[in-house]
PDB file of N, CA and C in Angstrom:
ATOM      1  N   MET A   1     -87.795-103.342  56.947  1.00  0.00           N
ATOM      2  CA  MET A   1     -88.826-102.574  55.983  1.00  0.00           C
ATOM      3  C   MET A   1     -90.067-103.430  56.495  1.00  0.00           C
ATOM      4  N   ASP A   2     -91.073-103.141  56.402  1.00  0.00           N
ATOM      5  CA  ASP A   2     -92.349-103.805  56.629  1.00  0.00           C
ATOM      6  C   ASP A   2     -92.954-104.433  54.975  1.00  0.00           C
ATOM      7  N   ILE A   3     -93.856-105.196  55.140  1.00  0.00           N
ATOM      8  CA  ILE A   3     -94.687-105.586  53.848  1.00  0.00           C
ATOM      9  C   ILE A   3     -95.368-104.497  53.066  1.00  0.00           C
ATOM     10  N   VAL A   4     -96.169-103.240  53.595  1.00  0.00           N
ATOM     11  CA  VAL A   4     -96.704-102.234  52.986  1.00  0.00           C
ATOM     12  C   VAL A   4     -95.344-101.606  52.257  1.00  0.00           C
ATOM     13  N   SER A   5     -94.500-101.140  53.244  1.00  0.00           N
ATOM     14  CA  SER A   5     -93.389-100.660  52.484  1.00  0.00           C
ATOM     15  C   SER A   5     -92.620-101.285  50.829  1.00  0.00           C
ATOM     16  N   LEU A   6     -92.628-102.311  50.963  1.00  0.00           N
ATOM     17  CA  LEU A   6     -91.840-103.370  49.909  1.00  0.00           C
ATOM     18  C   LEU A   6     -92.905-102.998  49.146  1.00  0.00           C
ATOM     19  N   LEU A   7     -94.509-103.158  49.489  1.00  0.00           N
ATOM     20  CA  LEU A   7     -95.082-103.576  48.421  1.00  0.00           C
ATOM     21  C   LEU A   7     -95.303-102.170  47.335  1.00  0.00           C
ATOM     22  N   LEU A   8     -95.204-100.730  48.283  1.00  0.00           N
ATOM     23  CA  LEU A   8     -95.195 -99.483  47.455  1.00  0.00           C
ATOM     24  C   LEU A   8     -94.037 -99.461  46.858  1.00  0.00           C
ATOM     25  N   GLU A   9     -93.010 -99.620  47.130  1.00  0.00           N
ATOM     26  CA  GLU A   9     -91.755 -99.811  46.487  1.00  0.00           C
ATOM     27  C   GLU A   9     -91.828-100.830  45.168  1.00  0.00           C
ATOM     28  N   ALA A  10     -92.480-102.020  45.240  1.00  0.00           N
ATOM     29  CA  ALA A  10     -92.728-102.745  43.788  1.00  0.00           C
ATOM     30  C   ALA A  10     -94.037-101.959  43.034  1.00  0.00           C
ATOM     31  N   ALA A  11     -94.696-101.658  43.614  1.00  0.00           N
ATOM     32  CA  ALA A  11     -95.576-100.708  42.563  1.00  0.00           C
ATOM     33  C   ALA A  11     -95.084 -99.672  42.046  1.00  0.00           C
ATOM     34  N   ASN A  12     -94.611 -98.987  42.791  1.00  0.00           N
ATOM     35  CA  ASN A  12     -93.636 -98.195  42.074  1.00  0.00           C
ATOM     36  C   ASN A  12     -92.644 -98.124  41.044  1.00  0.00           C
ATOM     37  N   LEU A  13     -92.162 -99.361  41.010  1.00  0.00           N
ATOM     38  CA  LEU A  13     -90.843-100.040  40.543  1.00  0.00           C
ATOM     39  C   LEU A  13     -91.715-100.442  39.191  1.00  0.00           C
ATOM     40  N   MET A  14     -92.659-100.794  38.943  1.00  0.00           N
ATOM     41  CA  MET A  14     -93.850-101.404  38.385  1.00  0.00           C
ATOM     42  C   MET A  14     -94.155-100.586  36.913  1.00  0.00           C
ATOM     43  N   LEU A  15     -94.995 -99.184  37.825  1.00  0.00           N
ATOM     44  CA  LEU A  15     -95.506 -98.010  37.301  1.00  0.00           C
ATOM     45  C   LEU A  15     -94.522 -97.344  36.877  1.00  0.00           C
ATOM     46  N   THR A  16     -93.064 -97.098  36.849  1.00  0.00           N
ATOM     47  CA  THR A  16     -91.876 -96.509  36.041  1.00  0.00           C
ATOM     48  C   THR A  16     -91.711 -97.327  35.048  1.00  0.00           C
ATOM     49  N   GLY A  17     -91.388 -98.760  35.182  1.00  0.00           N
ATOM     50  CA  GLY A  17     -90.830 -99.487  33.933  1.00  0.00           C
ATOM     51  C   GLY A  17     -92.025 -99.614  32.977  1.00  0.00           C
ATOM     52  N   MET A  18     -93.346 -99.590  33.489  1.00  0.00           N
ATOM     53  CA  MET A  18     -94.431 -99.655  32.260  1.00  0.00           C
ATOM     54  C   MET A  18     -94.730 -98.176  31.586  1.00  0.00           C
ATOM     55  N   VAL A  19     -94.341 -97.152  32.374  1.00  0.00           N
ATOM     56  CA  VAL A  19     -94.472 -95.910  31.516  1.00  0.00           C
ATOM     57  C   VAL A  19     -92.940 -95.749  30.946  1.00  0.00           C
ATOM     58  N   GLY A  20     -91.776 -96.134  31.175  1.00  0.00           N
ATOM     59  CA  GLY A  20     -91.070 -96.281  30.247  1.00  0.00           C
ATOM     60  C   GLY A  20     -90.994 -97.164  29.033  1.00  0.00           C
ATOM     61  N   VAL A  21     -91.913 -98.114  29.049  1.00  0.00           N
ATOM     62  CA  VAL A  21     -91.827 -99.021  27.798  1.00  0.00           C
ATOM     63  C   VAL A  21     -92.929 -98.168  27.497  1.00  0.00           C
ATOM     64  N   PHE A  22     -94.077 -97.381  27.519  1.00  0.00           N
ATOM     65  CA  PHE A  22     -94.800 -96.917  27.186  1.00  0.00           C
ATOM     66  C   PHE A  22     -94.386 -96.037  26.374  1.00  0.00           C
ATOM     67  N   VAL A  23     -93.545 -95.259  27.075  1.00  0.00           N
ATOM     68  CA  VAL A  23     -92.859 -93.733  26.470  1.00  0.00           C
ATOM     69  C   VAL A  23     -91.982 -94.587  25.168  1.00  0.00           C
ATOM     70  N   PHE A  24     -91.589 -95.296  25.364  1.00  0.00           N
ATOM     71  CA  PHE A  24     -90.218 -95.808  24.475  1.00  0.00           C
ATOM     72  C   PHE A  24     -91.193 -96.836  23.096  1.00  0.00           C
ATOM     73  N   LEU A  25     -92.131 -97.057  23.402  1.00  0.00           N
ATOM     74  CA  LEU A  25     -93.454 -97.657  22.106  1.00  0.00           C
ATOM     75  C   LEU A  25     -94.183 -96.818  20.949  1.00  0.00           C
ATOM     76  N   SER A  26     -94.056 -95.261  21.988  1.00  0.00           N
ATOM     77  CA  SER A  26     -94.897 -94.899  21.375  1.00  0.00           C
ATOM     78  C   SER A  26     -93.749 -93.772  20.557  1.00  0.00           C
ATOM     79  N   ILE A  27     -92.537 -93.492  21.560  1.00  0.00           N
ATOM     80  CA  ILE A  27     -91.182 -92.694  20.302  1.00  0.00           C
ATOM     81  C   ILE A  27     -91.040 -93.537  19.191  1.00  0.00           C
ATOM     82  N   LEU A  28     -91.666 -94.854  19.318  1.00  0.00           N
ATOM     83  CA  LEU A  28     -90.984 -95.753  18.043  1.00  0.00           C
ATOM     84  C   LEU A  28     -92.110 -96.045  16.973  1.00  0.00           C
ATOM     85  N   ILE A  29     -93.283 -95.766  17.454  1.00  0.00           N
ATOM     86  CA  ILE A  29     -94.363 -95.661  16.647  1.00  0.00           C
ATOM     87  C   ILE A  29     -94.314 -94.524  15.452  1.00  0.00           C
ATOM     88  N   LEU A  30     -93.925 -93.203  16.104  1.00  0.00           N
ATOM     89  CA  LEU A  30     -93.722 -91.925  15.897  1.00  0.00           C
ATOM     90  C   LEU A  30     -92.689 -92.035  15.014  1.00  0.00           C
ATOM     91  N   ALA A  31     -91.412 -92.395  15.308  1.00  0.00           N
ATOM     92  CA  ALA A  31     -90.519 -92.361  14.387  1.00  0.00           C
ATOM     93  C   ALA A  31     -90.711 -93.618  12.856  1.00  0.00           C
ATOM     94  N   VAL A  32     -91.181 -94.379  13.236  1.00  0.00           N
ATOM     95  CA  VAL A  32     -91.616 -94.882  12.058  1.00  0.00           C
ATOM     96  C   VAL A  32     -92.798 -94.438  11.339  1.00  0.00           C
ATOM     97  N   LYS A  33     -93.881 -93.909  11.889  1.00  0.00           N
ATOM     98  CA  LYS A  33     -94.533 -92.997  10.926  1.00  0.00           C
ATOM     99  C   LYS A  33     -93.852 -92.156  10.307  1.00  0.00           C
ATOM    100  N   ASN A  34     -92.996 -91.226  10.859  1.00  0.00           N
ATOM    101  CA  ASN A  34     -92.411 -90.198  10.181  1.00  0.00           C
ATOM    102  C   ASN A  34     -91.573 -90.466   8.918  1.00  0.00           C
ATOM    103  N   LEU A  35     -90.604 -91.991   9.328  1.00  0.00           N
ATOM    104  CA  LEU A  35     -90.167 -92.635   7.881  1.00  0.00           C
ATOM    105  C   LEU A  35     -91.045 -92.896   6.916  1.00  0.00           C
ATOM    106  N   ALA A  36     -92.242 -93.589   7.403  1.00  0.00           N
ATOM    107  CA  ALA A  36     -92.810 -93.946   6.323  1.00  0.00           C
ATOM    108  C   ALA A  36     -93.390 -92.654   5.076  1.00  0.00           C
ATOM    109  N   ARG A  37     -93.585 -91.903   6.134  1.00  0.00           N
ATOM    110  CA  ARG A  37     -94.288 -90.385   5.266  1.00  0.00           C
ATOM    111  C   ARG A  37     -93.027 -89.931   4.555  1.00  0.00           C
ATOM    112  N   PHE A  38     -91.724 -89.796   5.024  1.00  0.00           N
ATOM    113  CA  PHE A  38     -90.496 -89.421   4.308  1.00  0.00           C
ATOM    114  C   PHE A  38     -89.899 -90.442   3.513  1.00  0.00           C
ATOM    115  N   ALA A  39     -90.314 -91.581   3.257  1.00  0.00           N
ATOM    116  CA  ALA A  39     -89.963 -92.371   2.122  1.00  0.00           C
ATOM    117  C   ALA A  39     -90.706 -92.425   0.975  1.00  0.00           C
ATOM    118  N   GLY A  40     -91.969 -91.412   1.444  1.00  0.00           N
ATOM    119  CA  GLY A  40     -92.818 -91.145   0.018  1.00  0.00           C
ATOM    120  C   GLY A  40     -94.315 -92.048  -0.037  1.00  0.00           C
ATOM    121  N   PRO A  41     -94.690 -91.980  -1.241  1.00  0.00           N
ATOM    122  CA  PRO A  41     -95.924 -92.461  -1.120  1.00  0.00           C
ATOM    123  C   PRO A  41     -96.176 -94.055  -1.269  1.00  0.00           C
ATOM    124  N   GLU A  42     -97.118 -94.520  -1.173  1.00  0.00           N
ATOM    125  CA  GLU A  42     -97.191 -95.986  -1.270  1.00  0.00           C
ATOM    126  C   GLU A  42     -96.973 -96.345  -2.305  1.00  0.00           C
ATOM    127  N   LEU A  43     -96.675 -97.458  -2.938  1.00  0.00           N
ATOM    128  CA  LEU A  43     -96.221 -97.774  -4.418  1.00  0.00           C
ATOM    129  C   LEU A  43     -97.458 -98.655  -4.354  1.00  0.00           C
ATOM    130  N   THR A  44     -98.175 -98.939  -5.610  1.00  0.00           N
ATOM    131  CA  THR A  44     -99.617 -99.629  -5.604  1.00  0.00           C
ATOM    132  C   THR A  44     -98.748-100.816  -6.535  1.00  0.00           C
ATOM    133  N   CYS A  45     -99.477-101.655  -6.618  1.00  0.00           N
ATOM    134  CA  CYS A  45     -99.048-102.908  -7.323  1.00  0.00           C
ATOM    135  C   CYS A  45    -100.104-103.518  -8.441  1.00  0.00           C
ATOM    136  N   ASP A  46     -99.675-102.462  -9.891  1.00  0.00           N
ATOM    137  CA  ASP A  46    -100.334-102.624 -10.640  1.00  0.00           C
ATOM    138  C   ASP A  46     -99.941-103.956 -11.969  1.00  0.00           C
ATOM    139  N   THR A  47    -100.586-104.582 -11.825  1.00  0.00           N
ATOM    140  CA  THR A  47    -101.009-105.938 -12.212  1.00  0.00           C
ATOM    141  C   THR A  47    -101.079-105.874 -14.239  1.00  0.00           C
ATOM    142  N   SER A  48    -101.491-104.594 -14.594  1.00  0.00           N
ATOM    143  CA  SER A  48    -101.664-104.597 -16.019  1.00  0.00           C
ATOM    144  C   SER A  48    -100.746-104.624 -16.704  1.00  0.00           C
ATOM    145  N   ASP A  49     -99.635-103.548 -16.209  1.00  0.00           N
ATOM    146  CA  ASP A  49     -98.055-103.826 -16.785  1.00  0.00           C
ATOM    147  C   ASP A  49     -97.138-104.700 -16.797  1.00  0.00           C
ATOM    148  N   ARG A  50     -97.636-105.832 -16.154  1.00  0.00           N
ATOM    149  CA  ARG A  50     -96.743-106.886 -16.063  1.00  0.00           C
ATOM    150  C   ARG A  50     -96.976-107.762 -17.466  1.00  0.00           C
ATOM    151  N   ALA A  51     -96.365-108.588 -17.870  1.00  0.00           N
ATOM    152  CA  ALA A  51     -96.662-110.013 -18.537  1.00  0.00           C
ATOM    153  C   ALA A  51     -96.812-111.106 -17.854  1.00  0.00           C
ATOM    154  N   PRO A  52     -97.970-111.609 -18.577  1.00  0.00           N
ATOM    155  CA  PRO A  52     -98.743-112.719 -17.902  1.00  0.00           C
ATOM    156  C   PRO A  52     -97.872-114.051 -17.573  1.00  0.00           C
ATOM    157  N   SER A  53     -97.731-114.699 -16.283  1.00  0.00           N
ATOM    158  CA  SER A  53     -97.140-116.008 -16.111  1.00  0.00           C
ATOM    159  C   SER A  53     -97.663-116.955 -16.739  1.00  0.00           C
ATOM    160  N   LYS A  54     -96.361-118.073 -16.853  1.00  0.00           N
ATOM    161  CA  LYS A  54     -96.980-118.975 -17.211  1.00  0.00           C
ATOM    162  C   LYS A  54     -97.441-119.675 -16.183  1.00  0.00           C
ATOM    163  N   PRO A  55     -98.360-120.942 -16.677  1.00  0.00           N
ATOM    164  CA  PRO A  55     -98.613-121.590 -15.180  1.00  0.00           C
ATOM    165  C   PRO A  55     -97.624-122.668 -15.160  1.00  0.00           C
ATOM    166  N   SER A  56     -97.711-123.145 -13.786  1.00  0.00           N
ATOM    167  CA  SER A  56     -96.708-124.184 -13.098  1.00  0.00           C
ATOM    168  C   SER A  56     -97.147-125.406 -13.661  1.00  0.00           C
ATOM    169  N   THR A  57     -96.524-126.046 -14.540  1.00  0.00           N
ATOM    170  CA  THR A  57     -96.927-127.926 -14.709  1.00  0.00           C
ATOM    171  C   THR A  57     -96.714-128.485 -14.154  1.00  0.00           C
ATOM    172  N   GLY A  58     -95.736-128.591 -13.267  1.00  0.00           N
ATOM    173  CA  GLY A  58     -95.454-129.240 -11.744  1.00  0.00           C
ATOM    174  C   GLY A  58     -94.137-129.898 -12.330  1.00  0.00           C
ATOM    175  N   VAL A  59     -93.673-130.746 -11.639  1.00  0.00           N
ATOM    176  CA  VAL A  59     -92.443-131.445 -11.715  1.00  0.00           C
ATOM    177  C   VAL A  59     -92.513-132.320 -12.966  1.00  0.00           C
ATOM    178  N   PRO A  60     -91.310-132.100 -13.311  1.00  0.00           N
ATOM    179  CA  PRO A  60     -90.785-132.981 -14.618  1.00  0.00           C
ATOM    180  C   PRO A  60     -90.823-134.128 -14.533  1.00  0.00           C
ATOM    181  N   SER A  61     -91.099-135.197 -15.490  1.00  0.00           N
ATOM    182  CA  SER A  61     -90.904-136.510 -14.973  1.00  0.00           C
ATOM    183  C   SER A  61     -89.622-137.112 -15.090  1.00  0.00           C
ATOM    184  N   ASP A  62     -88.789-136.342 -15.587  1.00  0.00           N
ATOM    185  CA  ASP A  62     -87.255-136.733 -15.342  1.00  0.00           C
ATOM    186  C   ASP A  62     -86.895-136.470 -13.980  1.00  0.00           C
ATOM    187  N   HIS A  63     -87.205-135.564 -13.082  1.00  0.00           N
ATOM    188  CA  HIS A  63     -86.803-135.635 -12.044  1.00  0.00           C
ATOM    189  C   HIS A  63     -87.759-136.408 -10.812  1.00  0.00           C
ATOM    190  N   ILE A  64     -88.775-136.829 -11.524  1.00  0.00           N
ATOM    191  CA  ILE A  64     -89.633-137.844 -10.198  1.00  0.00           C
ATOM    192  C   ILE A  64     -88.792-138.972 -10.275  1.00  0.00           C
ATOM    193  N   ALA A  65     -88.409-139.456 -12.013  1.00  0.00           N
ATOM    194  CA  ALA A  65     -87.570-141.006 -11.715  1.00  0.00           C
ATOM    195  C   ALA A  65     -86.696-140.725 -11.306  1.00  0.00           C
ATOM    196  N   ALA A  66     -85.624-139.753 -11.436  1.00  0.00           N
ATOM    197  CA  ALA A  66     -84.498-139.352 -10.635  1.00  0.00           C
ATOM    198  C   ALA A  66     -84.495-139.877  -9.448  1.00  0.00           C
ATOM    199  N   ILE A  67     -85.353-139.187  -8.397  1.00  0.00           N
ATOM    200  CA  ILE A  67     -85.848-139.218  -7.057  1.00  0.00           C
ATOM    201  C   ILE A  67     -86.061-140.587  -6.851  1.00  0.00           C
ATOM    202  N   SER A  68     -87.010-141.116  -7.545  1.00  0.00           N
ATOM    203  CA  SER A  68     -87.215-142.600  -7.334  1.00  0.00           C
ATOM    204  C   SER A  68     -86.417-143.734  -7.204  1.00  0.00           C
ATOM    205  N   ALA A  69     -85.395-143.019  -8.413  1.00  0.00           N
ATOM    206  CA  ALA A  69     -83.956-144.304  -8.550  1.00  0.00           C
ATOM    207  C   ALA A  69     -83.267-144.052  -7.230  1.00  0.00           C
ATOM    208  N   ALA A  70     -83.337-143.030  -6.828  1.00  0.00           N
ATOM    209  CA  ALA A  70     -82.224-142.558  -5.441  1.00  0.00           C
ATOM    210  C   ALA A  70     -82.847-142.869  -4.554  1.00  0.00           C
ATOM    211  N   ILE A  71     -84.149-143.076  -4.288  1.00  0.00           N
ATOM    212  CA  ILE A  71     -84.742-143.599  -2.947  1.00  0.00           C
ATOM    213  C   ILE A  71     -84.749-145.201  -2.698  1.00  0.00           C
ATOM    214  N   ALA A  72     -84.884-145.403  -4.149  1.00  0.00           N
ATOM    215  CA  ALA A  72     -84.825-147.243  -4.087  1.00  0.00           C
ATOM    216  C   ALA A  72     -83.354-147.456  -3.768  1.00  0.00           C
ATOM    217  N   GLN A  73     -82.513-146.978  -4.631  1.00  0.00           N
ATOM    218  CA  GLN A  73     -81.043-147.230  -4.283  1.00  0.00           C
ATOM    219  C   GLN A  73     -80.582-147.120  -2.736  1.00  0.00           C
ATOM    220  N   HIS A  74     -80.796-146.094  -2.181  1.00  0.00           N
ATOM    221  CA  HIS A  74     -80.816-145.645  -0.809  1.00  0.00           C
ATOM    222  C   HIS A  74     -81.525-147.164   0.674  1.00  0.00           C
ATOM    223  N   ARG A  75     -82.578-147.751  -0.090  1.00  0.00           N
ATOM    224  CA  ARG A  75     -83.133-148.511   0.095  1.00  0.00           C
ATOM    225  C   ARG A  75     -82.492-150.128   0.238  1.00  0.00           C
ATOM    226  N   THR A  76     -82.158-149.874  -0.825  1.00  0.00           N
ATOM    227  CA  THR A  76     -81.223-151.602  -1.051  1.00  0.00           C
ATOM    228  C   THR A  76     -79.802-151.704  -0.325  1.00  0.00           C
ATOM    229  N   LYS A  77     -79.572-150.557  -0.046  1.00  0.00           N
ATOM    230  CA  LYS A  77     -78.212-150.446   1.063  1.00  0.00           C
ATOM    231  C   LYS A  77     -78.278-150.532   2.265  1.00  0.00           C
ATOM    232  N   LYS A  78     -79.283-150.147   2.684  1.00  0.00           N
ATOM    233  CA  LYS A  78     -79.493-150.969   4.084  1.00  0.00           C
ATOM    234  C   LYS A  78     -79.039-152.350   4.496  1.00  0.00           C
TER     235      LYS A  78
END
């Protein structure tokens, strides 16, 4: 086989692969869109129905003290 026939075969194989991937992805996109339409309308998040959440106060001082003691104990073992 000469180089021209090899290049033509490679181009044909590349084009076939690219078309196959394009068709597969197109079918996948259509399937996802149809499933989304089948699932129903989009749910909106209405924050007025929820109870207000308490703001975070941070890490309790007991936890900080326990972590500091554990680190100090670990460092003294070495």
